[in-house]
Amino acid sequence: MTTRNKKIKLHGFNNLTKTLSFNIYDINYAETPEQQNAYIEYIDEEYNAERLTGILTEVANIIGANILNIAHQDYDPQGASVTMLISEEPVMSEHITNDETPGPLPEAVVAHLDKSHITVHTYPESHPDSGISTFRADIDVSTCGRISPLRALNYLIHSFDSDIVIMDYRVRGFTRDISGRKHYIDHKINSIQNFIARDTKNLYQMIDVNVYQENLFHTKMMLKGIELNEYLFGMEASDLKPSVQKKIRKRLKKEMLEIFYGSNIVK
């Protein structure tokens, strides 16, 4: 026998605030100063304020939000920021779950969003000694009401070259039902991984650190394999000696492990 959970009848507006925060890293190897500068210029163009605005606009569509205001800025010498204020909008969409898509999109969504926002900031950087260049995008999707920003999770992962993804999801505040009882969360979750598409899970190593009693969920993802040509900028693996390829792989792996675990590795 199947039983359904009864919907909570609220007293007034759903005051729960749900925030999904990303740190997305793209790692690259650019050996010469010219290659390093070219990589930074490429990233700066690929993820400029206009492109980022397009990504966040699609996020708003996926979660069922209306864009009230957009502020965007490209920085000199590099980096960009976009901030959106969002509010309610009904959205109708098919529920797609096959593995050939970036992950599930929303079904029919009708909800009220208030004091909600989506932001992104980018940080390209490189170091002349190691040849390693990294690109970091910090993204926050914060909603107030019944909708969860987790609906946009898979789209965001696939919108960037995501070698490492560090995610935090938190539900804050409380809402009351008609009897006056407080509710500190309005949906089931025991891990952010519950909302990640199966094809994506197969590509990444993952670690969870969750504090259930605080409605705080943390997941780290790192790509399992390194296809060297995907990490080289301005060169091809076939043009490099095996010993050089091995050295570059070691540097890339070291960089990824240090970011993933949040500590420096001496060897």
C-alpha atoms as a PDB file:
ATOM      1  CA  MET A   1       0.000   0.000   0.000  1.00  0.00           C
ATOM      2  CA  THR A   2       1.360   3.398  -1.033  1.00  0.00           C
ATOM      3  CA  THR A   3       0.752   6.403   1.175  1.00  0.00           C
ATOM      4  CA  ARG A   4       1.242  10.048   0.266  1.00  0.00           C
ATOM      5  CA  ASN A   5       2.535  12.736   2.557  1.00  0.00           C
ATOM      6  CA  LYS A   6      -0.135  15.324   3.230  1.00  0.00           C
ATOM      7  CA  LYS A   7       0.690  18.801   2.031  1.00  0.00           C
ATOM      8  CA  ILE A   8       1.379  21.230   4.826  1.00  0.00           C
ATOM      9  CA  LYS A   9      -1.239  23.950   5.072  1.00  0.00           C
ATOM     10  CA  LEU A  10       0.677  27.120   5.822  1.00  0.00           C
ATOM     11  CA  HIS A  11      -0.287  30.195   7.728  1.00  0.00           C
ATOM     12  CA  GLY A  12       0.684  32.907   5.256  1.00  0.00           C
ATOM     13  CA  PHE A  13       3.790  32.833   3.095  1.00  0.00           C
ATOM     14  CA  ASN A  14       6.484  30.109   3.089  1.00  0.00           C
ATOM     15  CA  ASN A  15       9.393  31.926   4.770  1.00  0.00           C
ATOM     16  CA  LEU A  16      12.042  29.241   4.245  1.00  0.00           C
ATOM     17  CA  THR A  17      15.171  30.461   2.480  1.00  0.00           C
ATOM     18  CA  LYS A  18      17.024  27.867   0.376  1.00  0.00           C
ATOM     19  CA  THR A  19      20.517  28.649  -0.861  1.00  0.00           C
ATOM     20  CA  LEU A  20      22.684  26.585  -3.205  1.00  0.00           C
ATOM     21  CA  SER A  21      26.312  27.743  -3.404  1.00  0.00           C
ATOM     22  CA  PHE A  22      28.880  26.483  -5.922  1.00  0.00           C
ATOM     23  CA  ASN A  23      32.616  26.752  -6.317  1.00  0.00           C
ATOM     24  CA  ILE A  24      33.369  25.393  -9.801  1.00  0.00           C
ATOM     25  CA  TYR A  25      36.987  24.918 -10.899  1.00  0.00           C
ATOM     26  CA  ASP A  26      38.470  24.388 -14.362  1.00  0.00           C
ATOM     27  CA  ILE A  27      42.139  23.290 -14.359  1.00  0.00           C
ATOM     28  CA  ASN A  28      44.495  23.755 -17.322  1.00  0.00           C
ATOM     29  CA  TYR A  29      48.162  23.447 -18.253  1.00  0.00           C
ATOM     30  CA  ALA A  30      49.722  26.348 -20.166  1.00  0.00           C
ATOM     31  CA  GLU A  31      53.514  26.178 -20.197  1.00  0.00           C
ATOM     32  CA  THR A  32      54.814  29.425 -21.682  1.00  0.00           C
ATOM     33  CA  PRO A  33      53.868  32.973 -20.629  1.00  0.00           C
ATOM     34  CA  GLU A  34      52.232  33.408 -24.038  1.00  0.00           C
ATOM     35  CA  GLN A  35      50.102  30.285 -23.557  1.00  0.00           C
ATOM     36  CA  GLN A  36      49.179  31.350 -20.032  1.00  0.00           C
ATOM     37  CA  ASN A  37      48.084  34.794 -21.195  1.00  0.00           C
ATOM     38  CA  ALA A  38      46.153  33.236 -24.074  1.00  0.00           C
ATOM     39  CA  TYR A  39      44.344  30.898 -21.653  1.00  0.00           C
ATOM     40  CA  ILE A  40      43.330  33.766 -19.364  1.00  0.00           C
ATOM     41  CA  GLU A  41      42.096  35.751 -22.377  1.00  0.00           C
ATOM     42  CA  TYR A  42      40.146  32.727 -23.633  1.00  0.00           C
ATOM     43  CA  ILE A  43      38.470  32.152 -20.261  1.00  0.00           C
ATOM     44  CA  ASP A  44      37.751  35.852 -19.872  1.00  0.00           C
ATOM     45  CA  GLU A  45      35.977  35.860 -23.225  1.00  0.00           C
ATOM     46  CA  GLU A  46      34.257  32.475 -22.806  1.00  0.00           C
ATOM     47  CA  TYR A  47      32.801  33.492 -19.433  1.00  0.00           C
ATOM     48  CA  ASN A  48      32.307  37.223 -19.886  1.00  0.00           C
ATOM     49  CA  ALA A  49      29.404  39.077 -18.290  1.00  0.00           C
ATOM     50  CA  GLU A  50      27.176  38.628 -21.343  1.00  0.00           C
ATOM     51  CA  ARG A  51      27.638  34.830 -21.435  1.00  0.00           C
ATOM     52  CA  LEU A  52      27.185  34.560 -17.663  1.00  0.00           C
ATOM     53  CA  THR A  53      23.991  36.601 -17.894  1.00  0.00           C
ATOM     54  CA  GLY A  54      22.681  34.049 -20.391  1.00  0.00           C
ATOM     55  CA  ILE A  55      23.522  31.167 -18.032  1.00  0.00           C
ATOM     56  CA  LEU A  56      21.814  32.817 -15.053  1.00  0.00           C
ATOM     57  CA  THR A  57      18.790  33.702 -17.195  1.00  0.00           C
ATOM     58  CA  GLU A  58      18.361  30.006 -17.981  1.00  0.00           C
ATOM     59  CA  VAL A  59      18.723  29.196 -14.270  1.00  0.00           C
ATOM     60  CA  ALA A  60      15.868  31.610 -13.550  1.00  0.00           C
ATOM     61  CA  ASN A  61      13.759  29.872 -16.215  1.00  0.00           C
ATOM     62  CA  ILE A  62      14.507  26.410 -14.801  1.00  0.00           C
ATOM     63  CA  ILE A  63      13.538  27.258 -11.222  1.00  0.00           C
ATOM     64  CA  GLY A  64      10.471  29.195 -12.372  1.00  0.00           C
ATOM     65  CA  ALA A  65      11.480  32.764 -11.600  1.00  0.00           C
ATOM     66  CA  ASN A  66      10.876  36.150 -13.173  1.00  0.00           C
ATOM     67  CA  ILE A  67      13.930  38.406 -13.493  1.00  0.00           C
ATOM     68  CA  LEU A  68      13.358  41.788 -11.858  1.00  0.00           C
ATOM     69  CA  ASN A  69      16.784  43.341 -12.250  1.00  0.00           C
ATOM     70  CA  ILE A  70      20.224  42.480 -13.684  1.00  0.00           C
ATOM     71  CA  ALA A  71      23.572  44.033 -12.773  1.00  0.00           C
ATOM     72  CA  HIS A  72      26.633  42.773 -14.674  1.00  0.00           C
ATOM     73  CA  GLN A  73      30.239  43.830 -14.940  1.00  0.00           C
ATOM     74  CA  ASP A  74      33.431  42.755 -16.762  1.00  0.00           C
ATOM     75  CA  TYR A  75      36.629  43.592 -14.874  1.00  0.00           C
ATOM     76  CA  ASP A  76      40.057  44.787 -16.004  1.00  0.00           C
ATOM     77  CA  PRO A  77      42.313  42.861 -16.295  1.00  0.00           C
ATOM     78  CA  GLN A  78      40.054  39.789 -15.907  1.00  0.00           C
ATOM     79  CA  GLY A  79      36.938  38.328 -14.324  1.00  0.00           C
ATOM     80  CA  ALA A  80      33.240  39.178 -14.398  1.00  0.00           C
ATOM     81  CA  SER A  81      30.197  39.377 -12.102  1.00  0.00           C
ATOM     82  CA  VAL A  82      26.444  39.120 -12.601  1.00  0.00           C
ATOM     83  CA  THR A  83      23.682  39.624 -10.019  1.00  0.00           C
ATOM     84  CA  MET A  84      19.976  39.002 -10.627  1.00  0.00           C
ATOM     85  CA  LEU A  85      16.994  39.814  -8.407  1.00  0.00           C
ATOM     86  CA  ILE A  86      14.157  37.379  -9.078  1.00  0.00           C
ATOM     87  CA  SER A  87      10.486  36.894  -8.216  1.00  0.00           C
ATOM     88  CA  GLU A  88       7.538  34.628  -8.985  1.00  0.00           C
ATOM     89  CA  GLU A  89       6.746  33.220 -12.428  1.00  0.00           C
ATOM     90  CA  PRO A  90       4.731  30.145 -13.467  1.00  0.00           C
ATOM     91  CA  VAL A  91       6.659  27.764 -15.718  1.00  0.00           C
ATOM     92  CA  MET A  92       5.464  24.753 -17.715  1.00  0.00           C
ATOM     93  CA  SER A  93       8.098  22.229 -18.810  1.00  0.00           C
ATOM     94  CA  GLU A  94       8.406  18.519 -19.540  1.00  0.00           C
ATOM     95  CA  HIS A  95      10.247  16.421 -16.972  1.00  0.00           C
ATOM     96  CA  ILE A  96      13.335  15.041 -18.785  1.00  0.00           C
ATOM     97  CA  THR A  97      15.451  12.417 -17.035  1.00  0.00           C
ATOM     98  CA  ASN A  98      17.317  10.473 -19.741  1.00  0.00           C
ATOM     99  CA  ASP A  99      21.089  10.305 -19.409  1.00  0.00           C
ATOM    100  CA  GLU A 100      21.713  12.186 -22.655  1.00  0.00           C
ATOM    101  CA  THR A 101      20.574  15.442 -21.077  1.00  0.00           C
ATOM    102  CA  PRO A 102      22.427  17.580 -18.502  1.00  0.00           C
ATOM    103  CA  GLY A 103      20.020  16.349 -15.863  1.00  0.00           C
ATOM    104  CA  PRO A 104      16.393  16.711 -14.840  1.00  0.00           C
ATOM    105  CA  LEU A 105      14.520  19.867 -15.760  1.00  0.00           C
ATOM    106  CA  PRO A 106      11.470  21.017 -13.801  1.00  0.00           C
ATOM    107  CA  GLU A 107       7.923  19.861 -14.257  1.00  0.00           C
ATOM    108  CA  ALA A 108       5.153  22.428 -13.973  1.00  0.00           C
ATOM    109  CA  VAL A 109       6.308  24.994 -11.427  1.00  0.00           C
ATOM    110  CA  VAL A 110       4.084  27.593  -9.814  1.00  0.00           C
ATOM    111  CA  ALA A 111       5.564  29.257  -6.755  1.00  0.00           C
ATOM    112  CA  HIS A 112       6.164  32.554  -5.057  1.00  0.00           C
ATOM    113  CA  LEU A 113       9.697  33.893  -4.768  1.00  0.00           C
ATOM    114  CA  ASP A 114      10.517  36.911  -2.666  1.00  0.00           C
ATOM    115  CA  LYS A 115      13.833  38.520  -1.701  1.00  0.00           C
ATOM    116  CA  SER A 116      15.589  36.037  -3.978  1.00  0.00           C
ATOM    117  CA  HIS A 117      18.720  36.337  -6.074  1.00  0.00           C
ATOM    118  CA  ILE A 118      21.205  34.573  -8.349  1.00  0.00           C
ATOM    119  CA  THR A 119      24.847  35.658  -8.493  1.00  0.00           C
ATOM    120  CA  VAL A 120      28.067  34.592 -10.195  1.00  0.00           C
ATOM    121  CA  HIS A 121      31.649  35.845  -9.875  1.00  0.00           C
ATOM    122  CA  THR A 122      34.643  34.514 -11.861  1.00  0.00           C
ATOM    123  CA  TYR A 123      38.324  34.291 -10.917  1.00  0.00           C
ATOM    124  CA  PRO A 124      40.819  33.246 -13.645  1.00  0.00           C
ATOM    125  CA  GLU A 125      44.450  32.908 -12.523  1.00  0.00           C
ATOM    126  CA  SER A 126      47.774  31.266 -13.404  1.00  0.00           C
ATOM    127  CA  HIS A 127      51.255  30.771 -11.981  1.00  0.00           C
ATOM    128  CA  PRO A 128      54.365  31.142 -14.191  1.00  0.00           C
ATOM    129  CA  ASP A 129      56.426  28.408 -12.477  1.00  0.00           C
ATOM    130  CA  SER A 130      54.134  25.379 -12.489  1.00  0.00           C
ATOM    131  CA  GLY A 131      52.339  25.943 -15.790  1.00  0.00           C
ATOM    132  CA  ILE A 132      49.025  25.402 -14.010  1.00  0.00           C
ATOM    133  CA  SER A 133      46.173  27.813 -14.728  1.00  0.00           C
ATOM    134  CA  THR A 134      42.832  27.673 -12.950  1.00  0.00           C
ATOM    135  CA  PHE A 135      39.430  29.234 -13.436  1.00  0.00           C
ATOM    136  CA  ARG A 136      36.970  29.480 -10.542  1.00  0.00           C
ATOM    137  CA  ALA A 137      33.316  30.459 -10.728  1.00  0.00           C
ATOM    138  CA  ASP A 138      31.418  31.192  -7.505  1.00  0.00           C
ATOM    139  CA  ILE A 139      27.652  30.860  -7.911  1.00  0.00           C
ATOM    140  CA  ASP A 140      24.798  31.420  -5.445  1.00  0.00           C
ATOM    141  CA  VAL A 141      21.145  30.612  -6.130  1.00  0.00           C
ATOM    142  CA  SER A 142      18.984  31.758  -3.224  1.00  0.00           C
ATOM    143  CA  THR A 143      15.198  31.438  -3.174  1.00  0.00           C
ATOM    144  CA  CYS A 144      12.501  32.179  -0.629  1.00  0.00           C
ATOM    145  CA  GLY A 145       9.348  30.086  -0.835  1.00  0.00           C
ATOM    146  CA  ARG A 146       8.424  26.608  -1.995  1.00  0.00           C
ATOM    147  CA  ILE A 147      10.819  26.333  -4.962  1.00  0.00           C
ATOM    148  CA  SER A 148      14.262  24.833  -4.406  1.00  0.00           C
ATOM    149  CA  PRO A 149      17.346  26.041  -6.323  1.00  0.00           C
ATOM    150  CA  LEU A 150      18.361  22.363  -6.529  1.00  0.00           C
ATOM    151  CA  ARG A 151      16.315  22.237  -9.743  1.00  0.00           C
ATOM    152  CA  ALA A 152      19.118  24.142 -11.505  1.00  0.00           C
ATOM    153  CA  LEU A 153      21.941  22.036 -10.075  1.00  0.00           C
ATOM    154  CA  ASN A 154      22.618  19.782 -13.090  1.00  0.00           C
ATOM    155  CA  TYR A 155      22.327  22.627 -15.587  1.00  0.00           C
ATOM    156  CA  LEU A 156      24.945  24.671 -13.733  1.00  0.00           C
ATOM    157  CA  ILE A 157      27.399  21.762 -13.475  1.00  0.00           C
ATOM    158  CA  HIS A 158      27.172  21.253 -17.245  1.00  0.00           C
ATOM    159  CA  SER A 159      27.388  24.980 -18.073  1.00  0.00           C
ATOM    160  CA  PHE A 160      31.046  25.150 -17.025  1.00  0.00           C
ATOM    161  CA  ASP A 161      34.125  23.001 -17.631  1.00  0.00           C
ATOM    162  CA  SER A 162      33.761  21.486 -14.191  1.00  0.00           C
ATOM    163  CA  ASP A 163      36.841  19.543 -13.063  1.00  0.00           C
ATOM    164  CA  ILE A 164      35.982  20.160  -9.412  1.00  0.00           C
ATOM    165  CA  VAL A 165      32.634  21.226  -7.969  1.00  0.00           C
ATOM    166  CA  ILE A 166      32.191  22.141  -4.305  1.00  0.00           C
ATOM    167  CA  MET A 167      28.557  22.667  -3.292  1.00  0.00           C
ATOM    168  CA  ASP A 168      26.738  23.825  -0.184  1.00  0.00           C
ATOM    169  CA  TYR A 169      22.971  23.714   0.230  1.00  0.00           C
ATOM    170  CA  ARG A 170      21.275  25.203   3.264  1.00  0.00           C
ATOM    171  CA  VAL A 171      17.678  25.755   4.307  1.00  0.00           C
ATOM    172  CA  ARG A 172      17.334  28.642   6.764  1.00  0.00           C
ATOM    173  CA  GLY A 173      14.546  30.108   8.834  1.00  0.00           C
ATOM    174  CA  PHE A 174      11.153  28.509   9.422  1.00  0.00           C
ATOM    175  CA  THR A 175       7.577  28.670   8.234  1.00  0.00           C
ATOM    176  CA  ARG A 176       4.383  28.012  10.222  1.00  0.00           C
ATOM    177  CA  ASP A 177       1.451  25.775   9.453  1.00  0.00           C
ATOM    178  CA  ILE A 178      -2.109  26.809  10.257  1.00  0.00           C
ATOM    179  CA  SER A 179      -1.829  25.321  13.752  1.00  0.00           C
ATOM    180  CA  GLY A 180       1.199  27.525  14.494  1.00  0.00           C
ATOM    181  CA  ARG A 181       3.758  24.695  14.405  1.00  0.00           C
ATOM    182  CA  LYS A 182       7.154  25.667  12.956  1.00  0.00           C
ATOM    183  CA  HIS A 183       8.622  23.778   9.978  1.00  0.00           C
ATOM    184  CA  TYR A 184      12.350  24.166   9.303  1.00  0.00           C
ATOM    185  CA  ILE A 185      12.388  22.313   5.962  1.00  0.00           C
ATOM    186  CA  ASP A 186       9.642  21.468   3.481  1.00  0.00           C
ATOM    187  CA  HIS A 187      11.206  18.715   1.344  1.00  0.00           C
ATOM    188  CA  LYS A 188      13.094  15.452   1.789  1.00  0.00           C
ATOM    189  CA  ILE A 189      16.881  15.472   1.346  1.00  0.00           C
ATOM    190  CA  ASN A 190      19.774  13.541   2.882  1.00  0.00           C
ATOM    191  CA  SER A 191      22.436  14.601   0.344  1.00  0.00           C
ATOM    192  CA  ILE A 192      22.906  16.985  -2.577  1.00  0.00           C
ATOM    193  CA  GLN A 193      23.778  13.827  -4.499  1.00  0.00           C
ATOM    194  CA  ASN A 194      20.053  12.947  -4.455  1.00  0.00           C
ATOM    195  CA  PHE A 195      19.589  15.649  -7.099  1.00  0.00           C
ATOM    196  CA  ILE A 196      22.597  14.951  -9.342  1.00  0.00           C
ATOM    197  CA  ALA A 197      21.972  13.137 -12.642  1.00  0.00           C
ATOM    198  CA  ARG A 198      23.218   9.551 -12.843  1.00  0.00           C
ATOM    199  CA  ASP A 199      25.506  10.177 -15.836  1.00  0.00           C
ATOM    200  CA  THR A 200      27.206  12.991 -13.913  1.00  0.00           C
ATOM    201  CA  LYS A 201      27.696  10.838 -10.818  1.00  0.00           C
ATOM    202  CA  ASN A 202      29.515   8.248 -12.923  1.00  0.00           C
ATOM    203  CA  LEU A 203      32.139  10.814 -13.971  1.00  0.00           C
ATOM    204  CA  TYR A 204      33.036  12.148 -10.531  1.00  0.00           C
ATOM    205  CA  GLN A 205      34.493  11.063  -7.223  1.00  0.00           C
ATOM    206  CA  MET A 206      32.285  12.483  -4.468  1.00  0.00           C
ATOM    207  CA  ILE A 207      32.470  13.217  -0.748  1.00  0.00           C
ATOM    208  CA  ASP A 208      29.658  14.399   1.541  1.00  0.00           C
ATOM    209  CA  VAL A 209      29.863  16.314   4.810  1.00  0.00           C
ATOM    210  CA  ASN A 210      26.311  16.897   6.036  1.00  0.00           C
ATOM    211  CA  VAL A 211      24.886  18.371   9.234  1.00  0.00           C
ATOM    212  CA  TYR A 212      21.323  17.109   9.114  1.00  0.00           C
ATOM    213  CA  GLN A 213      20.091  18.758  12.294  1.00  0.00           C
ATOM    214  CA  GLU A 214      21.100  22.134  10.843  1.00  0.00           C
ATOM    215  CA  ASN A 215      19.674  21.414   7.353  1.00  0.00           C
ATOM    216  CA  LEU A 216      23.171  21.957   5.986  1.00  0.00           C
ATOM    217  CA  PHE A 217      24.470  19.774   3.142  1.00  0.00           C
ATOM    218  CA  HIS A 218      27.953  19.798   1.586  1.00  0.00           C
ATOM    219  CA  THR A 219      29.187  17.785  -1.418  1.00  0.00           C
ATOM    220  CA  LYS A 220      32.546  17.799  -3.222  1.00  0.00           C
ATOM    221  CA  MET A 221      33.010  16.391  -6.732  1.00  0.00           C
ATOM    222  CA  MET A 222      36.242  15.723  -8.658  1.00  0.00           C
ATOM    223  CA  LEU A 223      36.568  14.166 -12.098  1.00  0.00           C
ATOM    224  CA  LYS A 224      37.838  10.591 -11.876  1.00  0.00           C
ATOM    225  CA  GLY A 225      40.018  10.569 -14.994  1.00  0.00           C
ATOM    226  CA  ILE A 226      42.363  12.958 -16.796  1.00  0.00           C
ATOM    227  CA  GLU A 227      42.266  13.011 -20.602  1.00  0.00           C
ATOM    228  CA  LEU A 228      45.463  15.005 -21.100  1.00  0.00           C
ATOM    229  CA  ASN A 229      44.480  16.800 -24.313  1.00  0.00           C
ATOM    230  CA  GLU A 230      41.470  18.251 -22.476  1.00  0.00           C
ATOM    231  CA  TYR A 231      43.861  20.045 -20.103  1.00  0.00           C
ATOM    232  CA  LEU A 232      46.521  21.305 -22.506  1.00  0.00           C
ATOM    233  CA  PHE A 233      46.296  24.840 -23.880  1.00  0.00           C
ATOM    234  CA  GLY A 234      48.276  25.657 -27.018  1.00  0.00           C
ATOM    235  CA  MET A 235      49.794  22.168 -27.382  1.00  0.00           C
ATOM    236  CA  GLU A 236      48.917  18.532 -28.110  1.00  0.00           C
ATOM    237  CA  ALA A 237      49.811  15.501 -25.975  1.00  0.00           C
ATOM    238  CA  SER A 238      51.100  13.662 -29.056  1.00  0.00           C
ATOM    239  CA  ASP A 239      53.806  16.323 -29.475  1.00  0.00           C
ATOM    240  CA  LEU A 240      55.159  15.703 -25.969  1.00  0.00           C
ATOM    241  CA  LYS A 241      57.528  12.996 -24.776  1.00  0.00           C
ATOM    242  CA  PRO A 242      56.005  10.358 -22.465  1.00  0.00           C
ATOM    243  CA  SER A 243      58.132  11.643 -19.588  1.00  0.00           C
ATOM    244  CA  VAL A 244      56.794  15.177 -20.120  1.00  0.00           C
ATOM    245  CA  GLN A 245      53.213  13.887 -20.309  1.00  0.00           C
ATOM    246  CA  LYS A 246      53.734  12.059 -17.021  1.00  0.00           C
ATOM    247  CA  LYS A 247      55.117  15.205 -15.370  1.00  0.00           C
ATOM    248  CA  ILE A 248      52.151  17.292 -16.540  1.00  0.00           C
ATOM    249  CA  ARG A 249      49.631  14.676 -15.370  1.00  0.00           C
ATOM    250  CA  LYS A 250      51.288  14.670 -11.949  1.00  0.00           C
ATOM    251  CA  ARG A 251      51.066  18.470 -11.690  1.00  0.00           C
ATOM    252  CA  LEU A 252      47.435  18.505 -12.794  1.00  0.00           C
ATOM    253  CA  LYS A 253      46.491  15.755 -10.339  1.00  0.00           C
ATOM    254  CA  LYS A 254      48.327  17.507  -7.497  1.00  0.00           C
ATOM    255  CA  GLU A 255      46.479  20.753  -8.235  1.00  0.00           C
ATOM    256  CA  MET A 256      43.121  18.992  -8.315  1.00  0.00           C
ATOM    257  CA  LEU A 257      43.746  17.076  -5.087  1.00  0.00           C
ATOM    258  CA  GLU A 258      44.844  20.222  -3.259  1.00  0.00           C
ATOM    259  CA  ILE A 259      41.683  22.072  -4.285  1.00  0.00           C
ATOM    260  CA  PHE A 260      39.466  19.055  -3.577  1.00  0.00           C
ATOM    261  CA  TYR A 261      40.834  18.459  -0.081  1.00  0.00           C
ATOM    262  CA  GLY A 262      41.558  22.112   0.689  1.00  0.00           C
ATOM    263  CA  SER A 263      45.186  21.562   1.664  1.00  0.00           C
ATOM    264  CA  ASN A 264      48.632  21.766   0.094  1.00  0.00           C
ATOM    265  CA  ILE A 265      50.364  18.533  -0.908  1.00  0.00           C
ATOM    266  CA  VAL A 266      54.115  18.650  -0.479  1.00  0.00           C
ATOM    267  CA  LYS A 267      55.003  15.715  -2.725  1.00  0.00           C
END
